Amino acid sequence: MHIAIAGNIGSGKTTLTRLLSKHFGWKPHYEEVDNNPYISSFYEDMQRWSFNLQIYFLNSRFRQILEIRNSGENVVQDRTIYEDAYIFASNLYEMGLMSSRDFENYYSLFDLMSSYMQAPDLLIYLRASIPTLVRQIAKRNRDYEQSIRLDYLKALNDKYESWISSYDKGKVLIIESDNVEFDNPEDLSKVIDDINASLNGLF
């Protein structure tokens, strides 16, 4: 079984990945952030480093997908490869922060990788408003995230809503995360119930 958690920066993906993997006894697959050699440079100069960053994430995420498929283990994944392409790379291109040449090169590589991929059994989308995202980003206090612009977060949210409304690769569970504290046992229990219902009792 493969559950993947999608959502904007600061929406709670990593926290929910940790809690669900602990609850179900499944293996967590986290996004490579702390060891990413491009992410700090990207937030300092998005136009210069956008292509490098997105290629790094694409490579990292594709390796994760192959590991998940080959391991035969039950997995909870923090962010999907689809978000890299349909949300982040696409948004950088539309904002003029990635050139047409780089975007076309990136997308050609993503299309090739897609032919080897299998979608998760359940995609969980954490929908969060801008104030929630800003609060969560400030709370975790990563230096390189403090310069994230509000218009960037807003553009990403718009991309997420467009993508999730047309997602057709498998089951989707949308969680309105503005009023949910995943570390609260009652809130987490409700989320777990919703997951079980979405998978028709397959747990």
C-alpha atoms as a PDB file:
ATOM      1  CA  MET A   1       0.000   0.000   0.000  1.00  0.00           C
ATOM      2  CA  HIS A   2       1.257   3.442  -0.957  1.00  0.00           C
ATOM      3  CA  ILE A   3      -0.242   6.620   0.521  1.00  0.00           C
ATOM      4  CA  ALA A   4       1.138   9.963  -0.671  1.00  0.00           C
ATOM      5  CA  ILE A   5       0.534  13.304   1.030  1.00  0.00           C
ATOM      6  CA  ALA A   6       0.340  16.434  -1.123  1.00  0.00           C
ATOM      7  CA  GLY A   7       0.087  20.080  -0.145  1.00  0.00           C
ATOM      8  CA  ASN A   8       1.669  23.502  -0.223  1.00  0.00           C
ATOM      9  CA  ILE A   9       4.732  24.561   1.769  1.00  0.00           C
ATOM     10  CA  GLY A  10       3.774  24.529   5.458  1.00  0.00           C
ATOM     11  CA  SER A  11       0.515  22.587   5.057  1.00  0.00           C
ATOM     12  CA  GLY A  12       1.555  19.809   7.464  1.00  0.00           C
ATOM     13  CA  LYS A  13       2.731  17.039   5.119  1.00  0.00           C
ATOM     14  CA  THR A  14       5.810  16.008   7.083  1.00  0.00           C
ATOM     15  CA  THR A  15       3.970  15.956  10.409  1.00  0.00           C
ATOM     16  CA  LEU A  16       1.150  13.840   9.006  1.00  0.00           C
ATOM     17  CA  THR A  17       3.617  11.515   7.259  1.00  0.00           C
ATOM     18  CA  ARG A  18       5.383  10.924  10.583  1.00  0.00           C
ATOM     19  CA  LEU A  19       2.171  10.308  12.508  1.00  0.00           C
ATOM     20  CA  LEU A  20       0.567   8.010   9.933  1.00  0.00           C
ATOM     21  CA  SER A  21       3.713   5.928   9.477  1.00  0.00           C
ATOM     22  CA  LYS A  22       3.892   5.496  13.263  1.00  0.00           C
ATOM     23  CA  HIS A  23       0.197   4.616  13.542  1.00  0.00           C
ATOM     24  CA  PHE A  24       0.146   2.054  10.737  1.00  0.00           C
ATOM     25  CA  GLY A  25       3.705   0.822  11.217  1.00  0.00           C
ATOM     26  CA  TRP A  26       4.544   1.792   7.644  1.00  0.00           C
ATOM     27  CA  LYS A  27       7.771   3.164   6.227  1.00  0.00           C
ATOM     28  CA  PRO A  28       7.902   6.958   5.835  1.00  0.00           C
ATOM     29  CA  HIS A  29       9.496   8.537   2.757  1.00  0.00           C
ATOM     30  CA  TYR A  30      10.310  12.180   3.482  1.00  0.00           C
ATOM     31  CA  GLU A  31      11.093  14.999   1.097  1.00  0.00           C
ATOM     32  CA  GLU A  32      14.817  15.756   0.875  1.00  0.00           C
ATOM     33  CA  VAL A  33      15.002  19.306   2.206  1.00  0.00           C
ATOM     34  CA  ASP A  34      17.792  19.564   4.755  1.00  0.00           C
ATOM     35  CA  ASN A  35      20.308  17.836   2.465  1.00  0.00           C
ATOM     36  CA  ASN A  36      19.194  19.665  -0.674  1.00  0.00           C
ATOM     37  CA  PRO A  37      22.220  21.589  -2.040  1.00  0.00           C
ATOM     38  CA  TYR A  38      20.089  24.048  -4.025  1.00  0.00           C
ATOM     39  CA  ILE A  39      17.200  25.087  -1.808  1.00  0.00           C
ATOM     40  CA  SER A  40      18.881  27.933   0.105  1.00  0.00           C
ATOM     41  CA  SER A  41      20.306  29.362  -3.121  1.00  0.00           C
ATOM     42  CA  PHE A  42      16.890  29.053  -4.770  1.00  0.00           C
ATOM     43  CA  TYR A  43      15.122  31.232  -2.209  1.00  0.00           C
ATOM     44  CA  GLU A  44      17.886  33.820  -2.535  1.00  0.00           C
ATOM     45  CA  ASP A  45      17.719  33.895  -6.358  1.00  0.00           C
ATOM     46  CA  MET A  46      14.784  31.932  -7.772  1.00  0.00           C
ATOM     47  CA  GLN A  47      15.456  32.721 -11.408  1.00  0.00           C
ATOM     48  CA  ARG A  48      19.067  31.551 -11.295  1.00  0.00           C
ATOM     49  CA  TRP A  49      18.442  28.300  -9.423  1.00  0.00           C
ATOM     50  CA  SER A  50      14.894  27.234 -10.369  1.00  0.00           C
ATOM     51  CA  PHE A  51      15.898  24.665 -12.997  1.00  0.00           C
ATOM     52  CA  ASN A  52      18.645  23.147 -10.819  1.00  0.00           C
ATOM     53  CA  LEU A  53      16.309  22.829  -7.856  1.00  0.00           C
ATOM     54  CA  GLN A  54      13.497  21.242  -9.838  1.00  0.00           C
ATOM     55  CA  ILE A  55      15.816  18.729 -11.502  1.00  0.00           C
ATOM     56  CA  TYR A  56      17.186  17.791  -8.082  1.00  0.00           C
ATOM     57  CA  PHE A  57      13.661  17.206  -6.737  1.00  0.00           C
ATOM     58  CA  LEU A  58      12.593  15.309  -9.859  1.00  0.00           C
ATOM     59  CA  ASN A  59      15.584  12.980  -9.577  1.00  0.00           C
ATOM     60  CA  SER A  60      15.091  12.493  -5.839  1.00  0.00           C
ATOM     61  CA  ARG A  61      11.371  11.800  -6.139  1.00  0.00           C
ATOM     62  CA  PHE A  62      11.776   9.371  -9.048  1.00  0.00           C
ATOM     63  CA  ARG A  63      14.343   7.414  -7.045  1.00  0.00           C
ATOM     64  CA  GLN A  64      11.829   7.292  -4.188  1.00  0.00           C
ATOM     65  CA  ILE A  65       9.137   5.920  -6.498  1.00  0.00           C
ATOM     66  CA  LEU A  66      11.430   3.161  -7.754  1.00  0.00           C
ATOM     67  CA  GLU A  67      12.436   2.303  -4.170  1.00  0.00           C
ATOM     68  CA  ILE A  68       8.793   2.143  -3.096  1.00  0.00           C
ATOM     69  CA  ARG A  69       7.836  -0.083  -6.015  1.00  0.00           C
ATOM     70  CA  ASN A  70      10.806  -2.425  -5.590  1.00  0.00           C
ATOM     71  CA  SER A  71      10.619  -2.688  -1.798  1.00  0.00           C
ATOM     72  CA  GLY A  72       7.148  -4.232  -1.601  1.00  0.00           C
ATOM     73  CA  GLU A  73       6.673  -2.324   1.674  1.00  0.00           C
ATOM     74  CA  ASN A  74       3.717  -0.260   2.831  1.00  0.00           C
ATOM     75  CA  VAL A  75       4.709   3.398   2.550  1.00  0.00           C
ATOM     76  CA  VAL A  76       3.596   6.911   3.485  1.00  0.00           C
ATOM     77  CA  GLN A  77       5.222   9.462   1.168  1.00  0.00           C
ATOM     78  CA  ASP A  78       5.768  13.146   1.916  1.00  0.00           C
ATOM     79  CA  ARG A  79       4.950  15.000  -1.374  1.00  0.00           C
ATOM     80  CA  THR A  80       4.605  13.499  -4.840  1.00  0.00           C
ATOM     81  CA  ILE A  81       6.498  13.779  -8.104  1.00  0.00           C
ATOM     82  CA  TYR A  82       3.319  15.159  -9.690  1.00  0.00           C
ATOM     83  CA  GLU A  83       3.574  18.264  -7.513  1.00  0.00           C
ATOM     84  CA  ASP A  84       7.112  18.878  -8.717  1.00  0.00           C
ATOM     85  CA  ALA A  85       5.930  19.032 -12.331  1.00  0.00           C
ATOM     86  CA  TYR A  86       2.357  20.318 -12.234  1.00  0.00           C
ATOM     87  CA  ILE A  87       2.753  22.756  -9.329  1.00  0.00           C
ATOM     88  CA  PHE A  88       6.290  23.961  -8.724  1.00  0.00           C
ATOM     89  CA  ALA A  89       8.012  23.775 -12.111  1.00  0.00           C
ATOM     90  CA  SER A  90       4.889  24.982 -13.918  1.00  0.00           C
ATOM     91  CA  ASN A  91       4.491  27.892 -11.500  1.00  0.00           C
ATOM     92  CA  LEU A  92       8.140  28.937 -11.848  1.00  0.00           C
ATOM     93  CA  TYR A  93       7.764  28.943 -15.615  1.00  0.00           C
ATOM     94  CA  GLU A  94       4.556  31.000 -15.517  1.00  0.00           C
ATOM     95  CA  MET A  95       6.147  33.488 -13.111  1.00  0.00           C
ATOM     96  CA  GLY A  96       9.033  33.975 -15.546  1.00  0.00           C
ATOM     97  CA  LEU A  97      11.465  32.342 -13.119  1.00  0.00           C
ATOM     98  CA  MET A  98      12.259  29.425 -15.443  1.00  0.00           C
ATOM     99  CA  SER A  99      13.007  29.845 -19.148  1.00  0.00           C
ATOM    100  CA  SER A 100      10.958  28.124 -21.848  1.00  0.00           C
ATOM    101  CA  ARG A 101      14.026  26.115 -22.833  1.00  0.00           C
ATOM    102  CA  ASP A 102      14.594  24.833 -19.303  1.00  0.00           C
ATOM    103  CA  PHE A 103      10.898  24.138 -18.717  1.00  0.00           C
ATOM    104  CA  GLU A 104      10.567  22.138 -21.950  1.00  0.00           C
ATOM    105  CA  ASN A 105      13.695  20.154 -21.051  1.00  0.00           C
ATOM    106  CA  TYR A 106      12.347  19.514 -17.558  1.00  0.00           C
ATOM    107  CA  TYR A 107       8.918  18.461 -18.797  1.00  0.00           C
ATOM    108  CA  SER A 108      10.392  16.109 -21.399  1.00  0.00           C
ATOM    109  CA  LEU A 109      12.276  14.336 -18.613  1.00  0.00           C
ATOM    110  CA  PHE A 110       9.160  14.194 -16.422  1.00  0.00           C
ATOM    111  CA  ASP A 111       7.116  12.689 -19.277  1.00  0.00           C
ATOM    112  CA  LEU A 112       9.730   9.975 -19.732  1.00  0.00           C
ATOM    113  CA  MET A 113       9.759   9.194 -16.011  1.00  0.00           C
ATOM    114  CA  SER A 114       5.940   9.109 -15.945  1.00  0.00           C
ATOM    115  CA  SER A 115       5.920   6.070 -18.227  1.00  0.00           C
ATOM    116  CA  TYR A 116       7.687   4.102 -15.474  1.00  0.00           C
ATOM    117  CA  MET A 117       5.549   5.314 -12.570  1.00  0.00           C
ATOM    118  CA  GLN A 118       2.590   3.888 -10.722  1.00  0.00           C
ATOM    119  CA  ALA A 119       0.260   6.290  -8.914  1.00  0.00           C
ATOM    120  CA  PRO A 120      -0.244   5.963  -5.133  1.00  0.00           C
ATOM    121  CA  ASP A 121      -3.197   3.953  -3.856  1.00  0.00           C
ATOM    122  CA  LEU A 122      -4.432   7.067  -2.073  1.00  0.00           C
ATOM    123  CA  LEU A 123      -3.465  10.709  -2.520  1.00  0.00           C
ATOM    124  CA  ILE A 124      -4.157  12.889   0.515  1.00  0.00           C
ATOM    125  CA  TYR A 125      -4.332  16.607  -0.274  1.00  0.00           C
ATOM    126  CA  LEU A 126      -3.882  19.019   2.625  1.00  0.00           C
ATOM    127  CA  ARG A 127      -5.773  22.171   1.694  1.00  0.00           C
ATOM    128  CA  ALA A 128      -4.574  25.193   3.695  1.00  0.00           C
ATOM    129  CA  SER A 129      -5.145  28.936   3.509  1.00  0.00           C
ATOM    130  CA  ILE A 130      -2.293  31.423   3.196  1.00  0.00           C
ATOM    131  CA  PRO A 131      -2.489  32.517   6.882  1.00  0.00           C
ATOM    132  CA  THR A 132      -2.160  28.871   7.957  1.00  0.00           C
ATOM    133  CA  LEU A 133       0.811  28.319   5.662  1.00  0.00           C
ATOM    134  CA  VAL A 134       2.546  31.479   6.895  1.00  0.00           C
ATOM    135  CA  ARG A 135       1.965  30.516  10.534  1.00  0.00           C
ATOM    136  CA  GLN A 136       3.328  27.004  10.008  1.00  0.00           C
ATOM    137  CA  ILE A 137       6.362  28.248   8.063  1.00  0.00           C
ATOM    138  CA  ALA A 138       7.162  30.743  10.829  1.00  0.00           C
ATOM    139  CA  LYS A 139       6.656  28.059  13.485  1.00  0.00           C
ATOM    140  CA  ARG A 140       9.256  25.665  12.044  1.00  0.00           C
ATOM    141  CA  ASN A 141      11.667  28.582  11.513  1.00  0.00           C
ATOM    142  CA  ARG A 142      13.804  27.350   8.631  1.00  0.00           C
ATOM    143  CA  ASP A 143      16.145  30.199   7.681  1.00  0.00           C
ATOM    144  CA  TYR A 144      15.776  29.776   3.926  1.00  0.00           C
ATOM    145  CA  GLU A 145      11.958  29.836   4.141  1.00  0.00           C
ATOM    146  CA  GLN A 146      11.701  33.213   5.831  1.00  0.00           C
ATOM    147  CA  SER A 147      12.047  35.016   2.500  1.00  0.00           C
ATOM    148  CA  ILE A 148       9.173  33.176   0.793  1.00  0.00           C
ATOM    149  CA  ARG A 149       6.825  35.742  -0.743  1.00  0.00           C
ATOM    150  CA  LEU A 150       3.070  35.699  -0.181  1.00  0.00           C
ATOM    151  CA  ASP A 151       2.365  35.956  -3.901  1.00  0.00           C
ATOM    152  CA  TYR A 152       4.496  32.832  -4.431  1.00  0.00           C
ATOM    153  CA  LEU A 153       2.457  30.875  -1.856  1.00  0.00           C
ATOM    154  CA  LYS A 154      -0.790  32.173  -3.370  1.00  0.00           C
ATOM    155  CA  ALA A 155       0.264  31.122  -6.876  1.00  0.00           C
ATOM    156  CA  LEU A 156       1.144  27.666  -5.576  1.00  0.00           C
ATOM    157  CA  ASN A 157      -2.224  27.342  -3.824  1.00  0.00           C
ATOM    158  CA  ASP A 158      -4.008  28.227  -7.066  1.00  0.00           C
ATOM    159  CA  LYS A 159      -1.964  25.584  -8.888  1.00  0.00           C
ATOM    160  CA  TYR A 160      -2.797  22.984  -6.258  1.00  0.00           C
ATOM    161  CA  GLU A 161      -6.529  23.634  -6.531  1.00  0.00           C
ATOM    162  CA  SER A 162      -6.409  23.356 -10.313  1.00  0.00           C
ATOM    163  CA  TRP A 163      -4.369  20.152 -10.195  1.00  0.00           C
ATOM    164  CA  ILE A 164      -6.400  18.371  -7.524  1.00  0.00           C
ATOM    165  CA  SER A 165      -9.693  19.171  -9.265  1.00  0.00           C
ATOM    166  CA  SER A 166      -8.531  17.264 -12.348  1.00  0.00           C
ATOM    167  CA  TYR A 167      -6.481  14.498 -10.691  1.00  0.00           C
ATOM    168  CA  ASP A 168      -7.606  11.164 -12.148  1.00  0.00           C
ATOM    169  CA  LYS A 169      -4.794   8.736 -11.352  1.00  0.00           C
ATOM    170  CA  GLY A 170      -6.407   7.233  -8.266  1.00  0.00           C
ATOM    171  CA  LYS A 171      -8.304   7.871  -5.050  1.00  0.00           C
ATOM    172  CA  VAL A 172      -8.120  11.306  -3.431  1.00  0.00           C
ATOM    173  CA  LEU A 173      -8.862  12.422   0.121  1.00  0.00           C
ATOM    174  CA  ILE A 174      -9.000  16.191   0.725  1.00  0.00           C
ATOM    175  CA  ILE A 175      -8.339  17.368   4.285  1.00  0.00           C
ATOM    176  CA  GLU A 176      -9.201  20.949   5.220  1.00  0.00           C
ATOM    177  CA  SER A 177      -6.149  21.520   7.398  1.00  0.00           C
ATOM    178  CA  ASP A 178      -6.812  25.081   8.605  1.00  0.00           C
ATOM    179  CA  ASN A 179      -8.653  23.833  11.686  1.00  0.00           C
ATOM    180  CA  VAL A 180      -6.840  20.518  12.162  1.00  0.00           C
ATOM    181  CA  GLU A 181      -3.932  19.883  14.517  1.00  0.00           C
ATOM    182  CA  PHE A 182      -2.443  16.561  13.456  1.00  0.00           C
ATOM    183  CA  ASP A 183      -0.632  16.227  16.807  1.00  0.00           C
ATOM    184  CA  ASN A 184      -4.030  16.355  18.541  1.00  0.00           C
ATOM    185  CA  PRO A 185      -5.126  12.714  19.077  1.00  0.00           C
ATOM    186  CA  GLU A 186      -8.790  13.490  18.337  1.00  0.00           C
ATOM    187  CA  ASP A 187      -7.974  15.273  15.081  1.00  0.00           C
ATOM    188  CA  LEU A 188      -5.558  12.526  14.019  1.00  0.00           C
ATOM    189  CA  SER A 189      -8.156   9.849  14.802  1.00  0.00           C
ATOM    190  CA  LYS A 190     -10.654  11.611  12.519  1.00  0.00           C
ATOM    191  CA  VAL A 191      -8.077  11.766   9.723  1.00  0.00           C
ATOM    192  CA  ILE A 192      -7.318   8.054  10.142  1.00  0.00           C
ATOM    193  CA  ASP A 193     -11.045   7.251   9.986  1.00  0.00           C
ATOM    194  CA  ASP A 194     -11.313   9.241   6.757  1.00  0.00           C
ATOM    195  CA  ILE A 195      -8.342   7.358   5.299  1.00  0.00           C
ATOM    196  CA  ASN A 196      -9.895   4.018   6.176  1.00  0.00           C
ATOM    197  CA  ALA A 197     -13.177   5.070   4.601  1.00  0.00           C
ATOM    198  CA  SER A 198     -11.414   6.303   1.449  1.00  0.00           C
ATOM    199  CA  LEU A 199      -9.719   2.948   1.023  1.00  0.00           C
ATOM    200  CA  ASN A 200     -12.972   1.057   1.700  1.00  0.00           C
ATOM    201  CA  GLY A 201     -11.632  -0.778   4.695  1.00  0.00           C
ATOM    202  CA  LEU A 202      -8.495  -2.083   3.006  1.00  0.00           C
ATOM    203  CA  PHE A 203      -6.548  -1.427   6.195  1.00  0.00           C
END
